[in-house]
Amino acid sequence: MSTAEQTSESPSPKRARFFYGWVIVAVMATASAISMAMGTLNFGLFVRPMGDELGISRATFGWAQSVRSFAGALTSPWIGRIIDKFGARWLLAGATFATALAMLALGGIQSGWQMVLLFGVIGLTGFAAPGSLVTSVPVMKWFETKRGRAVAMLSLGIPIGALLLLPLTQLLIDYLGWRTAWVVLGIFGAVVIIPLSIIFVRRQPEDMGLRVDGGDPHDPDGPAPPETVSLTLKEAIRTPSFWALTIVFSLVSMSIGTIGLHRMPAFIDRGIDALDVALATSLDAIFAGVATFGMGMMSDKFPSKYLGAFGFVLLSLASVITIYATTTPLMYFSMAVFGLGIGGMMFLQNVVWAEYFGRMHLGAIRGAVMPITLVVGGIGAPLAGYIRDATGTYDVVWWVGAALLFVGAVAVVLAKPPQHA
């Protein structure tokens, strides 16, 4: 056989194709980054200036956050099913547009009830929250064996957004006022996220003739699809695992609600500079991203539930530190530990549902869980506000929250994956 014949019969090496799933990760990471300035992590920076000007109580700010959660609970079952059936392309664009309009309206409010109402509108969209369905579920649709790495890359959006946009929020408030800050941030979010969503977001790899994790389904030499089972919502809710995870995330969400919003004004009340609090909150988000990234990269070696439980323990520790954080260095330390814990929670929330129940009906499953976790979680913020307004301190409710977080850590370790037939 001639050299030419050998060459023609020998299989030529195939060039590795770029997997479009990484485009989805990049878009959703960008959306998560921008969401840090859309009334989520930066909301606490508005509490003092808005409260001082309009006479809004801390409990009312807590209710704004809770009403957003309650509103999200109403729509999340439908949002999850829409993502499963049609994808998040137009859903993310529409949710961003509605959120931006609400933020523009926040710049013109005159009373607390108007703020609460507008946060309810934001909640209905299912956007503007870390781990929201419209930014997390689409990524899980594209990956199985590489899911941990995808979550790691997705998590980079939150620290980058916090690092850049929380100090920007405080500067806008300081130099332009809180009203203009809401308007500028709303326009910025819409201008960035809406075009990216419409142009790049697609539902799942099969829609583009690809395999999950990359490859061409017609290419026999491509990577074989993983042999996993996807449970329907009806099948999932019959498993003890579904209810165990739902209870855990509900308790953790309620505990985080008692401290997540109120720690920022609490630190300012203790005489710590507002810009330092904004920078420390950015540090919080940076450490959250670092933790999620690290856990995503380690998920091949360690079960996700143990990594997530470690995050819950850190959240419990951070709550205790926050009670005693009366100096700027201790405040920074508490924020860093809290961020590491949040990172563990976000990693677990993104990964464990897909791990336990599969990716095909993930939107419907997580959409069914969110009403429970959001309603229970929504109790925390106003409860902490009422206790602070009545007693002048958050300490009691934060101690209870720390205990619940530790209980959540134990419970998630005991939760077992469902037994597939």
Foldseek 3Di string as FASTA:
>chain_A
DDPVVVVVPDDDDDDADDFLLVLLLVLLLQLLLLLCLLCELLVLLVCVQVCVVQVDFQLLSLLLLLLLLLLLLVQLLVVLVCLLPFNLLVLQLVLLLQSLVLLLVVLPDRHSVSSSVSSNSNSNSQGSYQLGCSRQLQSQQQADPLSLQSQLSSLQSQLVSLQPNLLVLNVCCVPVNNSVSSNVSSVVSNVPNNVSSNPRTGRHQVVVQAARVGDHPVDPPDDDHDDDAADAQVVLVVFPLLVLVLVLLLLLLQLCSQCSNPLLVVQVVLVDDNSLSSNLSSLLSNLLSVLSNVCSVCCVPDPLLLLLLVLLLLLLVLLVLSQVPSDSVSSSVSSNSNSNSNSSNSNCSSPVQCVQRNSSSSSNSVSNSSSSSSNSSSVRSSVLSVCCVVPVDSNVSSNVSSVSSNVSSVSSVVRDRDDDD
